[in-house]
C-alpha atoms as a PDB file:
ATOM      1  CA  MET A   1    -183.176  32.706-253.999  1.00  0.00           C
ATOM      2  CA  SER A   2    -180.116  31.283-252.293  1.00  0.00           C
ATOM      3  CA  ILE A   3    -176.463  32.006-252.775  1.00  0.00           C
ATOM      4  CA  PRO A   4    -174.013  29.120-252.473  1.00  0.00           C
ATOM      5  CA  SER A   5    -171.758  29.192-249.455  1.00  0.00           C
ATOM      6  CA  ASN A   6    -168.090  28.417-249.225  1.00  0.00           C
ATOM      7  CA  GLU A   7    -167.486  27.085-245.760  1.00  0.00           C
ATOM      8  CA  THR A   8    -163.994  25.726-246.249  1.00  0.00           C
ATOM      9  CA  LYS A   9    -163.010  23.766-243.185  1.00  0.00           C
ATOM     10  CA  GLN A  10    -160.309  25.760-241.471  1.00  0.00           C
ATOM     11  CA  LYS A  11    -157.485  23.573-240.231  1.00  0.00           C
ATOM     12  CA  ARG A  12    -156.149  24.396-236.808  1.00  0.00           C
ATOM     13  CA  THR A  13    -152.467  23.530-236.588  1.00  0.00           C
ATOM     14  CA  LEU A  14    -150.835  21.407-233.901  1.00  0.00           C
ATOM     15  CA  TRP A  15    -149.045  24.494-232.603  1.00  0.00           C
ATOM     16  CA  GLN A  16    -152.372  26.310-232.208  1.00  0.00           C
ATOM     17  CA  TRP A  17    -153.809  23.389-230.242  1.00  0.00           C
ATOM     18  CA  ILE A  18    -150.693  23.275-228.043  1.00  0.00           C
ATOM     19  CA  SER A  19    -150.970  27.016-227.377  1.00  0.00           C
ATOM     20  CA  PHE A  20    -154.656  26.567-226.588  1.00  0.00           C
ATOM     21  CA  ILE A  21    -154.315  23.688-224.095  1.00  0.00           C
ATOM     22  CA  THR A  22    -151.057  24.823-222.443  1.00  0.00           C
ATOM     23  CA  PRO A  23    -152.715  27.226-219.925  1.00  0.00           C
ATOM     24  CA  TYR A  24    -155.214  24.513-218.971  1.00  0.00           C
ATOM     25  CA  VAL A  25    -152.459  21.921-218.469  1.00  0.00           C
ATOM     26  CA  TYR A  26    -150.466  24.461-216.459  1.00  0.00           C
ATOM     27  CA  SER A  27    -153.429  25.361-214.230  1.00  0.00           C
ATOM     28  CA  THR A  28    -154.446  21.713-213.826  1.00  0.00           C
ATOM     29  CA  GLY A  29    -150.926  20.806-212.689  1.00  0.00           C
ATOM     30  CA  ILE A  30    -150.899  23.555-210.055  1.00  0.00           C
ATOM     31  CA  VAL A  31    -154.351  22.568-208.795  1.00  0.00           C
ATOM     32  CA  PHE A  32    -153.283  18.909-208.673  1.00  0.00           C
ATOM     33  CA  ILE A  33    -150.133  19.680-206.653  1.00  0.00           C
ATOM     34  CA  ILE A  34    -151.996  21.911-204.204  1.00  0.00           C
ATOM     35  CA  GLY A  35    -154.757  19.318-203.949  1.00  0.00           C
ATOM     36  CA  TRP A  36    -152.196  16.626-203.209  1.00  0.00           C
ATOM     37  CA  MET A  37    -150.644  18.788-200.479  1.00  0.00           C
ATOM     38  CA  LEU A  38    -154.007  19.418-198.829  1.00  0.00           C
ATOM     39  CA  SER A  39    -155.191  15.822-199.024  1.00  0.00           C
ATOM     40  CA  ALA A  40    -151.843  14.477-197.787  1.00  0.00           C
ATOM     41  CA  ALA A  41    -151.864  16.970-194.912  1.00  0.00           C
ATOM     42  CA  VAL A  42    -155.417  15.980-193.939  1.00  0.00           C
ATOM     43  CA  ILE A  43    -154.636  12.256-194.065  1.00  0.00           C
ATOM     44  CA  ASN A  44    -151.428  12.774-192.103  1.00  0.00           C
ATOM     45  CA  GLY A  45    -153.266  14.851-189.520  1.00  0.00           C
ATOM     46  CA  ILE A  46    -155.993  12.254-189.038  1.00  0.00           C
ATOM     47  CA  GLU A  47    -153.484   9.421-188.647  1.00  0.00           C
ATOM     48  CA  THR A  48    -151.304  11.471-186.302  1.00  0.00           C
ATOM     49  CA  VAL A  49    -154.209  12.455-184.065  1.00  0.00           C
ATOM     50  CA  LYS A  50    -155.415   8.862-183.894  1.00  0.00           C
ATOM     51  CA  ALA A  51    -151.979   7.494-183.041  1.00  0.00           C
ATOM     52  CA  HIS A  52    -150.718  10.265-180.781  1.00  0.00           C
ATOM     53  CA  SER A  53    -152.252  13.674-180.078  1.00  0.00           C
ATOM     54  CA  TRP A  54    -152.743  17.130-181.539  1.00  0.00           C
ATOM     55  CA  LYS A  55    -149.285  18.048-180.282  1.00  0.00           C
ATOM     56  CA  ALA A  56    -147.713  15.341-182.402  1.00  0.00           C
ATOM     57  CA  PHE A  57    -149.372  16.863-185.472  1.00  0.00           C
ATOM     58  CA  PHE A  58    -146.724  19.608-185.495  1.00  0.00           C
ATOM     59  CA  LEU A  59    -143.857  17.686-183.886  1.00  0.00           C
ATOM     60  CA  PRO A  60    -141.958  14.560-184.940  1.00  0.00           C
ATOM     61  CA  THR A  61    -143.757  11.355-184.046  1.00  0.00           C
ATOM     62  CA  ASN A  62    -140.615   9.257-183.680  1.00  0.00           C
ATOM     63  CA  GLU A  63    -138.689   9.083-180.460  1.00  0.00           C
ATOM     64  CA  ASN A  64    -135.785  11.453-179.992  1.00  0.00           C
ATOM     65  CA  THR A  65    -132.675   9.434-180.778  1.00  0.00           C
ATOM     66  CA  HIS A  66    -130.412  12.424-180.951  1.00  0.00           C
ATOM     67  CA  SER A  67    -127.867  13.184-178.307  1.00  0.00           C
ATOM     68  CA  ASN A  68    -128.924  15.392-175.419  1.00  0.00           C
ATOM     69  CA  GLU A  69    -125.783  17.413-175.979  1.00  0.00           C
ATOM     70  CA  GLN A  70    -126.971  18.738-179.344  1.00  0.00           C
ATOM     71  CA  SER A  71    -127.389  22.475-179.718  1.00  0.00           C
ATOM     72  CA  TRP A  72    -130.832  24.053-179.777  1.00  0.00           C
ATOM     73  CA  VAL A  73    -130.385  24.791-183.506  1.00  0.00           C
ATOM     74  CA  ASN A  74    -129.934  21.110-184.263  1.00  0.00           C
ATOM     75  CA  VAL A  75    -132.915  20.222-182.101  1.00  0.00           C
ATOM     76  CA  ILE A  76    -135.166  22.661-183.980  1.00  0.00           C
ATOM     77  CA  ALA A  77    -133.798  21.544-187.350  1.00  0.00           C
ATOM     78  CA  HIS A  78    -134.413  17.888-186.578  1.00  0.00           C
ATOM     79  CA  SER A  79    -137.914  18.720-185.355  1.00  0.00           C
ATOM     80  CA  ILE A  80    -138.717  20.440-188.645  1.00  0.00           C
ATOM     81  CA  ILE A  81    -137.173  17.735-190.801  1.00  0.00           C
ATOM     82  CA  ASP A  82    -138.766  14.850-188.914  1.00  0.00           C
ATOM     83  CA  SER A  83    -142.264  16.378-189.089  1.00  0.00           C
ATOM     84  CA  ASN A  84    -144.438  14.650-191.706  1.00  0.00           C
ATOM     85  CA  LEU A  85    -146.478  17.817-192.185  1.00  0.00           C
ATOM     86  CA  ASN A  86    -143.370  19.850-192.930  1.00  0.00           C
ATOM     87  CA  ASN A  87    -142.161  17.192-195.354  1.00  0.00           C
ATOM     88  CA  ILE A  88    -145.470  17.417-197.216  1.00  0.00           C
ATOM     89  CA  ILE A  89    -145.279  21.215-197.395  1.00  0.00           C
ATOM     90  CA  PHE A  90    -141.662  21.296-198.563  1.00  0.00           C
ATOM     91  CA  ARG A  91    -142.260  18.549-201.103  1.00  0.00           C
ATOM     92  CA  GLY A  92    -145.307  20.385-202.475  1.00  0.00           C
ATOM     93  CA  ILE A  93    -143.374  23.650-202.775  1.00  0.00           C
ATOM     94  CA  PHE A  94    -140.585  21.786-204.554  1.00  0.00           C
ATOM     95  CA  PHE A  95    -143.054  20.275-207.039  1.00  0.00           C
ATOM     96  CA  LEU A  96    -144.604  23.704-207.646  1.00  0.00           C
ATOM     97  CA  LEU A  97    -141.212  25.252-208.370  1.00  0.00           C
ATOM     98  CA  ILE A  98    -140.365  22.438-210.782  1.00  0.00           C
ATOM     99  CA  TRP A  99    -143.749  22.756-212.524  1.00  0.00           C
ATOM    100  CA  VAL A 100    -143.545  26.548-212.901  1.00  0.00           C
ATOM    101  CA  THR A 101    -139.921  26.413-214.066  1.00  0.00           C
ATOM    102  CA  LEU A 102    -140.785  23.738-216.611  1.00  0.00           C
ATOM    103  CA  PHE A 103    -143.387  25.955-218.273  1.00  0.00           C
ATOM    104  CA  LEU A 104    -141.114  28.984-218.183  1.00  0.00           C
ATOM    105  CA  MET A 105    -138.485  26.994-220.047  1.00  0.00           C
ATOM    106  CA  ILE A 106    -140.899  25.866-222.766  1.00  0.00           C
ATOM    107  CA  PRO A 107    -141.303  28.470-225.575  1.00  0.00           C
ATOM    108  CA  VAL A 108    -145.025  27.736-225.783  1.00  0.00           C
ATOM    109  CA  ALA A 109    -145.463  29.288-222.358  1.00  0.00           C
ATOM    110  CA  PHE A 110    -144.259  32.616-223.743  1.00  0.00           C
ATOM    111  CA  THR A 111    -146.607  32.779-226.727  1.00  0.00           C
ATOM    112  CA  ARG A 112    -149.105  35.005-224.870  1.00  0.00           C
ATOM    113  CA  LEU A 113    -146.519  37.131-223.086  1.00  0.00           C
ATOM    114  CA  LYS A 114    -144.986  40.264-224.513  1.00  0.00           C
ATOM    115  CA  ARG A 115    -142.590  40.857-221.614  1.00  0.00           C
ATOM    116  CA  PHE A 116    -141.604  38.643-218.722  1.00  0.00           C
ATOM    117  CA  LYS A 117    -139.698  39.860-215.661  1.00  0.00           C
ATOM    118  CA  LEU A 118    -138.100  37.521-213.153  1.00  0.00           C
ATOM    119  CA  PHE A 119    -136.251  39.230-210.300  1.00  0.00           C
ATOM    120  CA  ASN A 120    -133.783  41.575-212.077  1.00  0.00           C
ATOM    121  CA  PHE A 121    -133.984  39.819-215.431  1.00  0.00           C
ATOM    122  CA  GLU A 122    -136.382  40.984-218.122  1.00  0.00           C
ATOM    123  CA  PHE A 123    -137.154  39.044-221.290  1.00  0.00           C
ATOM    124  CA  GLU A 124    -138.656  40.521-224.452  1.00  0.00           C
ATOM    125  CA  VAL A 125    -140.824  37.857-226.053  1.00  0.00           C
ATOM    126  CA  GLU A 126    -142.087  39.771-229.093  1.00  0.00           C
ATOM    127  CA  ASP A 127    -140.055  41.880-231.459  1.00  0.00           C
ATOM    128  CA  LYS A 128    -142.059  45.110-231.537  1.00  0.00           C
ATOM    129  CA  GLU A 129    -140.366  46.441-234.654  1.00  0.00           C
ATOM    130  CA  GLN A 130    -140.970  43.212-236.550  1.00  0.00           C
ATOM    131  CA  ALA A 131    -144.612  43.159-235.442  1.00  0.00           C
ATOM    132  CA  ALA A 132    -145.076  46.770-236.576  1.00  0.00           C
ATOM    133  CA  ILE A 133    -143.522  46.033-239.979  1.00  0.00           C
ATOM    134  CA  GLN A 134    -145.741  42.997-240.401  1.00  0.00           C
ATOM    135  CA  THR A 135    -148.847  45.033-239.554  1.00  0.00           C
ATOM    136  CA  VAL A 136    -147.930  47.685-242.129  1.00  0.00           C
ATOM    137  CA  GLU A 137    -147.342  45.027-244.783  1.00  0.00           C
ATOM    138  CA  ILE A 138    -150.689  43.350-244.104  1.00  0.00           C
ATOM    139  CA  ASN A 139    -152.619  46.618-244.151  1.00  0.00           C
ATOM    140  CA  GLY A 140    -150.801  47.611-247.326  1.00  0.00           C
ATOM    141  CA  GLY A 141    -151.829  44.332-248.917  1.00  0.00           C
ATOM    142  CA  LYS A 142    -155.462  44.926-247.998  1.00  0.00           C
ATOM    143  CA  ALA A 143    -155.255  48.409-249.491  1.00  0.00           C
ATOM    144  CA  LYS A 144    -154.012  46.838-252.738  1.00  0.00           C
ATOM    145  CA  LEU A 145    -157.020  44.514-252.708  1.00  0.00           C
ATOM    146  CA  MET A 146    -159.291  47.545-252.393  1.00  0.00           C
ATOM    147  CA  ALA A 147    -157.512  49.202-255.305  1.00  0.00           C
ATOM    148  CA  TYR A 148    -157.981  46.059-257.392  1.00  0.00           C
ATOM    149  CA  LEU A 149    -161.727  45.952-256.696  1.00  0.00           C
ATOM    150  CA  THR A 150    -162.084  49.500-258.031  1.00  0.00           C
ATOM    151  CA  SER A 151    -159.925  48.851-261.102  1.00  0.00           C
ATOM    152  CA  ASP A 152    -161.049  48.307-264.689  1.00  0.00           C
ATOM    153  CA  ASP A 153    -159.789  44.719-264.507  1.00  0.00           C
ATOM    154  CA  ALA A 154    -162.255  43.874-261.752  1.00  0.00           C
ATOM    155  CA  SER A 155    -165.065  45.647-263.605  1.00  0.00           C
ATOM    156  CA  GLY A 156    -164.262  43.778-266.800  1.00  0.00           C
ATOM    157  CA  LYS A 157    -164.307  40.493-264.927  1.00  0.00           C
ATOM    158  CA  LEU A 158    -168.041  40.940-264.373  1.00  0.00           C
ATOM    159  CA  PHE A 159    -168.658  40.409-268.095  1.00  0.00           C
ATOM    160  CA  ASP A 160    -167.715  36.753-267.546  1.00  0.00           C
ATOM    161  CA  PHE A 161    -170.891  36.404-265.497  1.00  0.00           C
ATOM    162  CA  LEU A 162    -173.162  38.043-268.068  1.00  0.00           C
ATOM    163  CA  ASP A 163    -176.123  35.831-268.931  1.00  0.00           C
ATOM    164  CA  GLY A 164    -178.024  37.497-271.745  1.00  0.00           C
ATOM    165  CA  THR A 165    -178.621  40.994-270.484  1.00  0.00           C
ATOM    166  CA  VAL A 166    -178.320  40.146-266.777  1.00  0.00           C
ATOM    167  CA  ILE A 167    -175.214  39.520-264.677  1.00  0.00           C
ATOM    168  CA  ASN A 168    -175.335  36.583-262.276  1.00  0.00           C
ATOM    169  CA  TYR A 169    -174.703  38.508-259.060  1.00  0.00           C
ATOM    170  CA  GLN A 170    -174.372  35.342-256.989  1.00  0.00           C
ATOM    171  CA  GLU A 171    -171.564  33.886-259.051  1.00  0.00           C
ATOM    172  CA  ALA A 172    -169.772  37.230-259.266  1.00  0.00           C
ATOM    173  CA  LEU A 173    -169.894  37.660-255.497  1.00  0.00           C
ATOM    174  CA  MET A 174    -168.645  34.097-254.994  1.00  0.00           C
ATOM    175  CA  TYR A 175    -165.772  34.691-257.415  1.00  0.00           C
ATOM    176  CA  PHE A 176    -164.463  37.799-255.676  1.00  0.00           C
ATOM    177  CA  LEU A 177    -164.910  36.284-252.218  1.00  0.00           C
ATOM    178  CA  ASP A 178    -162.880  33.293-253.395  1.00  0.00           C
ATOM    179  CA  GLU A 179    -160.197  35.658-254.693  1.00  0.00           C
ATOM    180  CA  ILE A 180    -160.038  37.525-251.386  1.00  0.00           C
ATOM    181  CA  GLN A 181    -159.992  34.257-249.459  1.00  0.00           C
ATOM    182  CA  ALA A 182    -157.080  32.920-251.527  1.00  0.00           C
ATOM    183  CA  GLY A 183    -155.208  36.220-251.217  1.00  0.00           C
ATOM    184  CA  TYR A 184    -155.534  36.261-247.443  1.00  0.00           C
ATOM    185  CA  ARG A 185    -154.281  32.699-247.195  1.00  0.00           C
ATOM    186  CA  GLN A 186    -151.351  33.219-249.540  1.00  0.00           C
ATOM    187  CA  HIS A 187    -150.103  36.687-248.580  1.00  0.00           C
ATOM    188  CA  PHE A 188    -151.299  37.166-244.990  1.00  0.00           C
ATOM    189  CA  ASN A 189    -151.249  33.542-243.792  1.00  0.00           C
ATOM    190  CA  ALA A 190    -154.815  34.146-242.630  1.00  0.00           C
ATOM    191  CA  SER A 191    -157.673  31.787-243.365  1.00  0.00           C
ATOM    192  CA  PHE A 192    -161.397  32.413-243.125  1.00  0.00           C
ATOM    193  CA  SER A 193    -164.635  30.834-244.270  1.00  0.00           C
ATOM    194  CA  TYR A 194    -167.600  32.668-245.720  1.00  0.00           C
ATOM    195  CA  MET A 195    -171.256  32.079-246.330  1.00  0.00           C
ATOM    196  CA  VAL A 196    -174.067  34.165-247.782  1.00  0.00           C
ATOM    197  CA  GLN A 197    -177.458  33.349-246.333  1.00  0.00           C
ATOM    198  CA  LYS A 198    -180.966  34.703-246.530  1.00  0.00           C
ATOM    199  CA  GLU A 199    -182.259  33.196-243.296  1.00  0.00           C
ATOM    200  CA  GLY A 200    -181.489  30.582-240.676  1.00  0.00           C
ATOM    201  CA  LEU A 201    -178.594  32.450-239.082  1.00  0.00           C
ATOM    202  CA  PRO A 202    -177.355  31.431-235.613  1.00  0.00           C
ATOM    203  CA  PRO A 203    -178.465  33.771-232.792  1.00  0.00           C
ATOM    204  CA  GLN A 204    -175.045  35.416-232.337  1.00  0.00           C
ATOM    205  CA  ILE A 205    -174.795  36.119-236.075  1.00  0.00           C
ATOM    206  CA  GLU A 206    -178.429  37.231-236.237  1.00  0.00           C
ATOM    207  CA  ASP A 207    -177.629  39.997-233.747  1.00  0.00           C
ATOM    208  CA  LEU A 208    -174.698  41.162-235.865  1.00  0.00           C
ATOM    209  CA  SER A 209    -176.860  41.041-238.997  1.00  0.00           C
ATOM    210  CA  ASP A 210    -179.489  43.226-237.327  1.00  0.00           C
ATOM    211  CA  GLU A 211    -176.808  45.693-236.270  1.00  0.00           C
ATOM    212  CA  SER A 212    -175.444  45.791-239.832  1.00  0.00           C
ATOM    213  CA  ARG A 213    -178.952  46.373-241.205  1.00  0.00           C
ATOM    214  CA  GLU A 214    -179.495  49.293-238.817  1.00  0.00           C
ATOM    215  CA  THR A 215    -176.122  50.944-239.424  1.00  0.00           C
ATOM    216  CA  GLY A 216    -175.753  50.065-243.106  1.00  0.00           C
ATOM    217  CA  GLU A 217    -172.175  49.019-242.424  1.00  0.00           C
ATOM    218  CA  ALA A 218    -170.288  45.786-241.908  1.00  0.00           C
ATOM    219  CA  VAL A 219    -170.035  44.696-238.279  1.00  0.00           C
ATOM    220  CA  LEU A 220    -167.105  42.807-236.812  1.00  0.00           C
ATOM    221  CA  ARG A 221    -166.864  40.926-233.542  1.00  0.00           C
ATOM    222  CA  ASN A 222    -163.601  39.377-232.410  1.00  0.00           C
ATOM    223  CA  LYS A 223    -163.339  36.971-229.502  1.00  0.00           C
ATOM    224  CA  THR A 224    -161.603  38.240-226.376  1.00  0.00           C
ATOM    225  CA  ASP A 225    -159.075  35.414-226.312  1.00  0.00           C
ATOM    226  CA  ASN A 226    -157.890  34.812-229.854  1.00  0.00           C
ATOM    227  CA  ASP A 227    -156.148  31.586-228.784  1.00  0.00           C
ATOM    228  CA  ASN A 228    -159.504  30.028-227.938  1.00  0.00           C
ATOM    229  CA  LEU A 229    -159.990  27.585-230.809  1.00  0.00           C
ATOM    230  CA  LEU A 230    -163.557  26.759-229.791  1.00  0.00           C
ATOM    231  CA  LYS A 231    -164.855  30.197-230.812  1.00  0.00           C
ATOM    232  CA  LYS A 232    -164.651  32.261-233.994  1.00  0.00           C
ATOM    233  CA  ASN A 233    -164.148  35.860-235.065  1.00  0.00           C
ATOM    234  CA  TYR A 234    -166.959  37.233-237.244  1.00  0.00           C
ATOM    235  CA  LEU A 235    -167.387  39.903-239.905  1.00  0.00           C
ATOM    236  CA  VAL A 236    -171.016  40.342-240.987  1.00  0.00           C
ATOM    237  CA  TYR A 237    -172.563  42.483-243.735  1.00  0.00           C
ATOM    238  CA  TYR A 238    -176.289  42.823-244.468  1.00  0.00           C
ATOM    239  CA  PHE A 239    -177.342  43.751-248.021  1.00  0.00           C
ATOM    240  CA  CYS A 240    -180.333  43.720-250.365  1.00  0.00           C
ATOM    241  CA  LEU A 241    -180.527  41.988-253.738  1.00  0.00           C
ATOM    242  CA  GLU A 242    -183.551  41.974-256.051  1.00  0.00           C
ATOM    243  CA  ASN A 243    -186.021  42.743-253.267  1.00  0.00           C
ATOM    244  CA  ASN A 244    -184.426  40.042-251.109  1.00  0.00           C
ATOM    245  CA  THR A 245    -182.169  40.497-248.102  1.00  0.00           C
ATOM    246  CA  PHE A 246    -178.969  38.543-247.556  1.00  0.00           C
ATOM    247  CA  THR A 247    -176.170  38.432-245.022  1.00  0.00           C
ATOM    248  CA  THR A 248    -172.530  37.827-245.872  1.00  0.00           C
ATOM    249  CA  VAL A 249    -170.697  36.191-242.966  1.00  0.00           C
ATOM    250  CA  LEU A 250    -166.924  35.830-242.731  1.00  0.00           C
ATOM    251  CA  SER A 251    -165.609  33.711-239.865  1.00  0.00           C
ATOM    252  CA  SER A 252    -162.160  32.680-238.714  1.00  0.00           C
ATOM    253  CA  TYR A 253    -160.641  30.812-235.788  1.00  0.00           C
ATOM    254  CA  GLN A 254    -157.318  32.645-235.993  1.00  0.00           C
ATOM    255  CA  HIS A 255    -157.601  35.857-238.033  1.00  0.00           C
ATOM    256  CA  GLN A 256    -158.886  38.870-236.120  1.00  0.00           C
ATOM    257  CA  PHE A 257    -160.881  41.120-238.427  1.00  0.00           C
ATOM    258  CA  ASP A 258    -160.032  44.815-238.389  1.00  0.00           C
ATOM    259  CA  ILE A 259    -161.224  48.085-239.888  1.00  0.00           C
ATOM    260  CA  PHE A 260    -159.525  47.295-243.221  1.00  0.00           C
ATOM    261  CA  ASP A 261    -161.451  44.028-243.500  1.00  0.00           C
ATOM    262  CA  LYS A 262    -164.647  45.908-242.717  1.00  0.00           C
ATOM    263  CA  TYR A 263    -164.064  48.485-245.446  1.00  0.00           C
ATOM    264  CA  LEU A 264    -162.948  45.794-247.884  1.00  0.00           C
ATOM    265  CA  ILE A 265    -166.199  43.813-247.578  1.00  0.00           C
ATOM    266  CA  GLU A 266    -168.320  46.954-247.801  1.00  0.00           C
ATOM    267  CA  LEU A 267    -166.381  48.074-250.860  1.00  0.00           C
ATOM    268  CA  LEU A 268    -166.752  44.659-252.495  1.00  0.00           C
ATOM    269  CA  HIS A 269    -170.553  44.686-252.288  1.00  0.00           C
ATOM    270  CA  ASN A 270    -170.884  48.341-253.275  1.00  0.00           C
ATOM    271  CA  ILE A 271    -168.555  48.007-256.272  1.00  0.00           C
ATOM    272  CA  ILE A 272    -170.327  44.893-257.530  1.00  0.00           C
ATOM    273  CA  ASN A 273    -173.721  46.589-257.195  1.00  0.00           C
ATOM    274  CA  LYS A 274    -172.561  49.710-259.009  1.00  0.00           C
ATOM    275  CA  ASN A 275    -170.765  47.884-261.821  1.00  0.00           C
ATOM    276  CA  VAL A 276    -173.604  45.405-262.302  1.00  0.00           C
ATOM    277  CA  GLU A 277    -176.093  48.252-262.723  1.00  0.00           C
ATOM    278  CA  ASN A 278    -173.830  50.085-265.176  1.00  0.00           C
ATOM    279  CA  ILE A 279    -173.059  47.004-267.251  1.00  0.00           C
ATOM    280  CA  GLU A 280    -176.666  45.816-267.381  1.00  0.00           C
ATOM    281  CA  TYR A 281    -177.806  49.316-268.369  1.00  0.00           C
ATOM    282  CA  MET A 282    -175.160  49.496-271.094  1.00  0.00           C
ATOM    283  CA  VAL A 283    -176.069  46.018-272.394  1.00  0.00           C
ATOM    284  CA  ALA A 284    -179.760  46.922-272.401  1.00  0.00           C
ATOM    285  CA  LEU A 285    -179.097  50.060-274.481  1.00  0.00           C
ATOM    286  CA  THR A 286    -176.919  48.102-276.880  1.00  0.00           C
ATOM    287  CA  SER A 287    -179.621  45.468-277.295  1.00  0.00           C
ATOM    288  CA  GLU A 288    -182.236  48.133-278.059  1.00  0.00           C
ATOM    289  CA  ASP A 289    -179.991  49.710-280.693  1.00  0.00           C
ATOM    290  CA  GLU A 290    -179.417  46.337-282.342  1.00  0.00           C
ATOM    291  CA  GLU A 291    -183.158  45.633-282.358  1.00  0.00           C
ATOM    292  CA  ASN A 292    -183.868  49.025-283.944  1.00  0.00           C
ATOM    293  CA  GLU A 293    -181.241  48.445-286.614  1.00  0.00           C
ATOM    294  CA  THR A 294    -182.688  45.015-287.349  1.00  0.00           C
ATOM    295  CA  ALA A 295    -186.172  46.449-287.600  1.00  0.00           C
END
């Protein structure tokens, strides 16, 4: 027996991709500038040693055209300015300052920072009160979903999947997962894909499935860096159906699963199991009564 999967392709927005590649572009730029400084210094050193001597490597290679009456400060200043090595160092430092300042001026650079301090100036990047309110609203919405699953409306919806005296568990599970998926996308701006499989799970999901089987609870695993768009967050639940074992897998590139998601998925499976048993038992009794009356 197999249960259809709904692996809706999650679209990663342009802003998410920009946030993802920004640290790599930033690091690459710094490495490139430092690499240029080192390579230019090595090339300059080799050419200077060949043309003059090791002493000329740190001193100006051109002849002193300045007046002998100049002060010692001017002599030292001209020596520093006329040195090719010093020019390379100063130019590299200038490029580094420009590069770092550029990324500090771009809002994308602040997406991972909660507070940034530069000298005596401190910048708050995230509104803590707004974030707290948003968290409460999201958790409240998930609590409403749990209340809906335990309501009479959700129980009555299972009659739509009644085939004779048996409820099609697969279709019922798919229906409620679709409802939860749509609710997350609409109210929480969070998208996820789901699949229900009997076998053939990837190794990382297989480990989570085994852990869920041992604990009897849903298991979640979020990636360390949520901005990494090459990995996913997972919520896995192992369950039995008609002497067969299945695993429900929720995955998302952006949404980090929490304890409310864990309880929601556990509640969904438990409520469906309980209501299916009650409805099928009630239908079976009703059918027997009708048969007896007919007889």
